[in-house]
C-alpha atoms as a PDB file:
ATOM      1  CA  MET A   1     -58.970-133.264 198.500  1.00  0.00           C
ATOM      2  CA  LYS A   2     -56.849-135.110 195.965  1.00  0.00           C
ATOM      3  CA  SER A   3     -55.309-133.433 192.925  1.00  0.00           C
ATOM      4  CA  ILE A   4     -56.145-135.109 189.597  1.00  0.00           C
ATOM      5  CA  LEU A   5     -54.532-132.561 187.268  1.00  0.00           C
ATOM      6  CA  THR A   6     -52.137-129.797 188.323  1.00  0.00           C
ATOM      7  CA  GLY A   7     -52.001-126.477 186.492  1.00  0.00           C
ATOM      8  CA  PRO A   8     -49.169-127.546 184.129  1.00  0.00           C
ATOM      9  CA  GLN A   9     -50.844-130.922 183.457  1.00  0.00           C
ATOM     10  CA  LEU A  10     -54.113-129.134 182.737  1.00  0.00           C
ATOM     11  CA  ALA A  11     -52.415-126.855 180.182  1.00  0.00           C
ATOM     12  CA  ILE A  12     -50.900-129.862 178.371  1.00  0.00           C
ATOM     13  CA  THR A  13     -54.254-131.693 178.426  1.00  0.00           C
ATOM     14  CA  ILE A  14     -56.045-128.686 176.909  1.00  0.00           C
ATOM     15  CA  LYS A  15     -53.449-128.490 174.108  1.00  0.00           C
ATOM     16  CA  ARG A  16     -53.916-132.209 173.433  1.00  0.00           C
ATOM     17  CA  LEU A  17     -57.712-131.855 173.247  1.00  0.00           C
ATOM     18  CA  ALA A  18     -57.367-128.947 170.800  1.00  0.00           C
ATOM     19  CA  HIS A  19     -55.015-130.958 168.599  1.00  0.00           C
ATOM     20  CA  GLN A  20     -57.297-134.004 168.674  1.00  0.00           C
ATOM     21  CA  ILE A  21     -60.226-131.872 167.518  1.00  0.00           C
ATOM     22  CA  LEU A  22     -58.060-130.506 164.687  1.00  0.00           C
ATOM     23  CA  GLU A  23     -56.895-134.016 163.815  1.00  0.00           C
ATOM     24  CA  ASN A  24     -60.484-135.036 163.068  1.00  0.00           C
ATOM     25  CA  ASN A  25     -61.528-131.675 161.603  1.00  0.00           C
ATOM     26  CA  ILE A  26     -58.442-130.472 159.738  1.00  0.00           C
ATOM     27  CA  ASP A  27     -59.586-127.004 158.673  1.00  0.00           C
ATOM     28  CA  LEU A  28     -62.837-126.731 160.687  1.00  0.00           C
ATOM     29  CA  GLU A  29     -64.579-125.918 157.377  1.00  0.00           C
ATOM     30  CA  ASN A  30     -67.879-127.566 158.350  1.00  0.00           C
ATOM     31  CA  THR A  31     -67.271-127.677 162.111  1.00  0.00           C
ATOM     32  CA  VAL A  32     -68.392-125.364 164.913  1.00  0.00           C
ATOM     33  CA  LEU A  33     -67.260-125.372 168.539  1.00  0.00           C
ATOM     34  CA  ILE A  34     -69.748-124.706 171.330  1.00  0.00           C
ATOM     35  CA  GLY A  35     -68.847-124.332 174.997  1.00  0.00           C
ATOM     36  CA  LEU A  36     -71.479-125.159 177.607  1.00  0.00           C
ATOM     37  CA  GLN A  37     -72.382-122.580 180.230  1.00  0.00           C
ATOM     38  CA  PRO A  38     -71.532-122.050 182.975  1.00  0.00           C
ATOM     39  CA  ARG A  39     -68.225-123.863 183.634  1.00  0.00           C
ATOM     40  CA  GLY A  40     -67.581-125.531 180.288  1.00  0.00           C
ATOM     41  CA  ILE A  41     -66.781-122.173 178.717  1.00  0.00           C
ATOM     42  CA  TYR A  42     -63.547-121.882 180.702  1.00  0.00           C
ATOM     43  CA  LEU A  43     -62.348-125.052 178.993  1.00  0.00           C
ATOM     44  CA  SER A  44     -63.782-124.122 175.579  1.00  0.00           C
ATOM     45  CA  ASP A  45     -62.171-120.653 175.681  1.00  0.00           C
ATOM     46  CA  GLN A  46     -58.769-122.270 176.206  1.00  0.00           C
ATOM     47  CA  VAL A  47     -59.323-125.010 173.606  1.00  0.00           C
ATOM     48  CA  VAL A  48     -60.355-122.367 171.047  1.00  0.00           C
ATOM     49  CA  THR A  49     -57.285-120.264 171.918  1.00  0.00           C
ATOM     50  CA  GLU A  50     -55.077-123.292 171.205  1.00  0.00           C
ATOM     51  CA  ILE A  51     -56.882-124.013 167.923  1.00  0.00           C
ATOM     52  CA  LYS A  52     -56.429-120.383 166.838  1.00  0.00           C
ATOM     53  CA  LYS A  53     -52.676-120.856 167.225  1.00  0.00           C
ATOM     54  CA  GLU A  54     -52.924-123.426 164.406  1.00  0.00           C
ATOM     55  CA  LEU A  55     -55.632-121.868 162.197  1.00  0.00           C
ATOM     56  CA  SER A  56     -56.558-118.313 161.349  1.00  0.00           C
ATOM     57  CA  ALA A  57     -59.213-116.957 163.699  1.00  0.00           C
ATOM     58  CA  ASP A  58     -61.759-116.440 160.896  1.00  0.00           C
ATOM     59  CA  LYS A  59     -61.901-120.226 160.308  1.00  0.00           C
ATOM     60  CA  VAL A  60     -62.965-120.883 163.906  1.00  0.00           C
ATOM     61  CA  LYS A  61     -66.694-120.652 164.578  1.00  0.00           C
ATOM     62  CA  TYR A  62     -67.152-120.576 168.344  1.00  0.00           C
ATOM     63  CA  GLY A  63     -70.311-120.169 170.373  1.00  0.00           C
ATOM     64  CA  LYS A  64     -71.531-120.534 173.937  1.00  0.00           C
ATOM     65  CA  LEU A  65     -74.709-122.333 174.928  1.00  0.00           C
ATOM     66  CA  ASP A  66     -76.751-121.966 178.100  1.00  0.00           C
ATOM     67  CA  ILE A  67     -78.769-125.097 178.869  1.00  0.00           C
ATOM     68  CA  THR A  68     -80.295-123.945 182.176  1.00  0.00           C
ATOM     69  CA  PHE A  69     -83.923-124.154 181.060  1.00  0.00           C
ATOM     70  CA  TYR A  70     -83.435-127.439 179.198  1.00  0.00           C
ATOM     71  CA  ARG A  71     -82.310-129.353 182.263  1.00  0.00           C
ATOM     72  CA  ASP A  72     -84.658-131.920 183.764  1.00  0.00           C
ATOM     73  CA  ASP A  73     -83.038-132.006 187.191  1.00  0.00           C
ATOM     74  CA  VAL A  74     -83.397-128.383 188.350  1.00  0.00           C
ATOM     75  CA  ARG A  75     -87.058-127.634 187.736  1.00  0.00           C
ATOM     76  CA  ASN A  76     -87.864-126.926 191.383  1.00  0.00           C
ATOM     77  CA  GLU A  77     -85.058-124.422 191.859  1.00  0.00           C
ATOM     78  CA  ILE A  78     -84.934-120.829 190.711  1.00  0.00           C
ATOM     79  CA  ARG A  79     -82.093-120.476 188.240  1.00  0.00           C
ATOM     80  CA  ILE A  80     -80.341-117.472 186.796  1.00  0.00           C
ATOM     81  CA  ALA A  81     -79.771-118.014 183.104  1.00  0.00           C
ATOM     82  CA  ASN A  82     -76.371-117.571 181.522  1.00  0.00           C
ATOM     83  CA  HIS A  83     -75.796-116.053 178.123  1.00  0.00           C
ATOM     84  CA  THR A  84     -76.185-118.019 174.889  1.00  0.00           C
ATOM     85  CA  ASP A  85     -74.114-116.678 172.013  1.00  0.00           C
ATOM     86  CA  ILE A  86     -74.235-118.715 168.798  1.00  0.00           C
ATOM     87  CA  PRO A  87     -73.761-116.155 165.992  1.00  0.00           C
ATOM     88  CA  PHE A  88     -73.884-118.709 163.174  1.00  0.00           C
ATOM     89  CA  SER A  89     -76.066-121.499 161.836  1.00  0.00           C
ATOM     90  CA  ILE A  90     -75.418-125.060 162.978  1.00  0.00           C
ATOM     91  CA  GLU A  91     -77.643-126.447 160.225  1.00  0.00           C
ATOM     92  CA  GLY A  92     -75.795-129.346 158.567  1.00  0.00           C
ATOM     93  CA  LYS A  93     -72.604-128.667 160.518  1.00  0.00           C
ATOM     94  CA  LYS A  94     -70.519-130.879 162.750  1.00  0.00           C
ATOM     95  CA  VAL A  95     -70.877-129.487 166.277  1.00  0.00           C
ATOM     96  CA  VAL A  96     -68.237-130.140 168.940  1.00  0.00           C
ATOM     97  CA  LEU A  97     -69.766-129.564 172.373  1.00  0.00           C
ATOM     98  CA  ILE A  98     -67.176-128.714 175.033  1.00  0.00           C
ATOM     99  CA  ASP A  99     -67.756-129.156 178.780  1.00  0.00           C
ATOM    100  CA  ASP A 100     -65.551-129.569 181.819  1.00  0.00           C
ATOM    101  CA  VAL A 101     -66.906-132.701 183.558  1.00  0.00           C
ATOM    102  CA  LEU A 102     -69.058-135.490 182.143  1.00  0.00           C
ATOM    103  CA  TYR A 103     -70.888-137.088 185.046  1.00  0.00           C
ATOM    104  CA  THR A 104     -74.473-138.351 184.649  1.00  0.00           C
ATOM    105  CA  GLY A 105     -74.908-137.127 181.070  1.00  0.00           C
ATOM    106  CA  ARG A 106     -77.895-134.930 181.958  1.00  0.00           C
ATOM    107  CA  THR A 107     -76.105-131.706 180.986  1.00  0.00           C
ATOM    108  CA  ILE A 108     -75.222-133.113 177.575  1.00  0.00           C
ATOM    109  CA  ARG A 109     -78.764-134.413 177.043  1.00  0.00           C
ATOM    110  CA  ALA A 110     -80.051-130.922 177.814  1.00  0.00           C
ATOM    111  CA  ALA A 111     -77.459-129.411 175.446  1.00  0.00           C
ATOM    112  CA  LEU A 112     -78.649-131.679 172.635  1.00  0.00           C
ATOM    113  CA  ASP A 113     -82.217-130.460 173.212  1.00  0.00           C
ATOM    114  CA  ALA A 114     -81.078-126.817 173.281  1.00  0.00           C
ATOM    115  CA  LEU A 115     -79.028-127.219 170.096  1.00  0.00           C
ATOM    116  CA  LEU A 116     -82.130-128.123 168.108  1.00  0.00           C
ATOM    117  CA  ASP A 117     -83.373-124.552 168.613  1.00  0.00           C
ATOM    118  CA  PHE A 118     -80.432-123.418 166.459  1.00  0.00           C
ATOM    119  CA  GLY A 119     -80.808-125.911 163.616  1.00  0.00           C
ATOM    120  CA  ARG A 120     -80.216-129.556 162.836  1.00  0.00           C
ATOM    121  CA  PRO A 121     -76.527-130.450 162.940  1.00  0.00           C
ATOM    122  CA  GLU A 122     -75.093-133.153 160.715  1.00  0.00           C
ATOM    123  CA  LYS A 123     -73.199-134.644 163.670  1.00  0.00           C
ATOM    124  CA  VAL A 124     -72.500-133.804 167.309  1.00  0.00           C
ATOM    125  CA  GLU A 125     -69.258-134.714 169.062  1.00  0.00           C
ATOM    126  CA  LEU A 126     -68.394-134.251 172.710  1.00  0.00           C
ATOM    127  CA  CYS A 127     -65.148-132.965 174.194  1.00  0.00           C
ATOM    128  CA  VAL A 128     -64.745-133.125 177.993  1.00  0.00           C
ATOM    129  CA  LEU A 129     -61.868-132.456 180.336  1.00  0.00           C
ATOM    130  CA  ILE A 130     -62.900-135.095 182.907  1.00  0.00           C
ATOM    131  CA  ASP A 131     -64.967-138.214 182.221  1.00  0.00           C
ATOM    132  CA  ARG A 132     -66.438-139.788 185.372  1.00  0.00           C
ATOM    133  CA  ARG A 133     -66.900-143.092 183.615  1.00  0.00           C
ATOM    134  CA  PHE A 134     -69.154-145.184 185.841  1.00  0.00           C
ATOM    135  CA  SER A 135     -71.782-142.636 186.819  1.00  0.00           C
ATOM    136  CA  ARG A 136     -73.782-142.216 183.600  1.00  0.00           C
ATOM    137  CA  GLN A 137     -77.576-142.063 183.659  1.00  0.00           C
ATOM    138  CA  PHE A 138     -77.785-141.608 179.870  1.00  0.00           C
ATOM    139  CA  PRO A 139     -75.897-143.498 177.137  1.00  0.00           C
ATOM    140  CA  ILE A 140     -73.549-140.587 176.376  1.00  0.00           C
ATOM    141  CA  GLN A 141     -69.816-141.019 175.780  1.00  0.00           C
ATOM    142  CA  PRO A 142     -67.191-138.378 174.935  1.00  0.00           C
ATOM    143  CA  ASP A 143     -65.324-138.327 171.625  1.00  0.00           C
ATOM    144  CA  TYR A 144     -62.431-136.359 173.147  1.00  0.00           C
ATOM    145  CA  THR A 145     -61.414-136.909 176.773  1.00  0.00           C
ATOM    146  CA  GLY A 146     -58.786-135.128 178.815  1.00  0.00           C
ATOM    147  CA  LYS A 147     -58.752-137.667 181.633  1.00  0.00           C
ATOM    148  CA  SER A 148     -61.032-140.547 182.633  1.00  0.00           C
ATOM    149  CA  ILE A 149     -61.480-141.182 186.319  1.00  0.00           C
ATOM    150  CA  ASP A 150     -63.281-143.723 188.454  1.00  0.00           C
ATOM    151  CA  SER A 151     -65.071-142.145 191.378  1.00  0.00           C
ATOM    152  CA  ILE A 152     -67.932-142.938 193.701  1.00  0.00           C
ATOM    153  CA  ILE A 153     -71.186-140.993 193.890  1.00  0.00           C
ATOM    154  CA  SER A 154     -70.288-139.289 197.182  1.00  0.00           C
ATOM    155  CA  GLN A 155     -67.152-137.771 195.639  1.00  0.00           C
ATOM    156  CA  LYS A 156     -67.204-134.471 193.769  1.00  0.00           C
ATOM    157  CA  VAL A 157     -64.882-133.448 190.965  1.00  0.00           C
ATOM    158  CA  ARG A 158     -64.038-129.760 190.983  1.00  0.00           C
ATOM    159  CA  VAL A 159     -62.264-127.929 188.194  1.00  0.00           C
ATOM    160  CA  PHE A 160     -60.643-124.668 189.246  1.00  0.00           C
ATOM    161  CA  TRP A 161     -60.138-122.033 186.529  1.00  0.00           C
ATOM    162  CA  LYS A 162     -57.815-119.059 186.828  1.00  0.00           C
ATOM    163  CA  GLU A 163     -60.471-116.583 185.579  1.00  0.00           C
ATOM    164  CA  LYS A 164     -63.016-117.692 188.176  1.00  0.00           C
ATOM    165  CA  ASP A 165     -61.097-119.357 191.003  1.00  0.00           C
ATOM    166  CA  GLY A 166     -57.627-117.819 190.822  1.00  0.00           C
ATOM    167  CA  LYS A 167     -55.875-121.116 190.051  1.00  0.00           C
ATOM    168  CA  GLU A 168     -55.984-123.957 187.561  1.00  0.00           C
ATOM    169  CA  GLU A 169     -56.323-127.466 188.923  1.00  0.00           C
ATOM    170  CA  VAL A 170     -58.688-130.440 188.947  1.00  0.00           C
ATOM    171  CA  VAL A 171     -59.360-132.082 192.306  1.00  0.00           C
ATOM    172  CA  ILE A 172     -61.558-134.803 193.706  1.00  0.00           C
ATOM    173  CA  LEU A 173     -63.343-134.014 196.970  1.00  0.00           C
ATOM    174  CA  ASP A 174     -64.453-136.771 199.360  1.00  0.00           C
END
């Protein structure tokens, strides 16, 4: 197990991602933020908290999207669905999808399919904490990246969140 981001580094990275989103979407007037279930919401909750330090909370439209039944790689397994909560229209809006690790791109492809059930966005951007650059199966690239890493297929990237795991850290497992 090798540490990629320690707790303090993770906090700084999350602040940077929040500020980069604000840089490109100054007042979030036509922008919505959507965290991907299950583990992307830990990142999105923290990014949204940082954004709310800069803007009033009523300007921040934040939802959570479960893509379980849109995935193409888990059809033979029984899955428990997570909760989708998107209490606003995404029609004609810029959507910033937020997830913890971008690996093959299958999760994001499924999220794009799921989003269409909520309307047709004007544009979709992607914010990820970790980009595993050379493992993509779909032509998907993040717009906002916490850290890019090079890893081999046999390695796993694990993000630990205080709310779920009792600590905050990103590690690579061999």
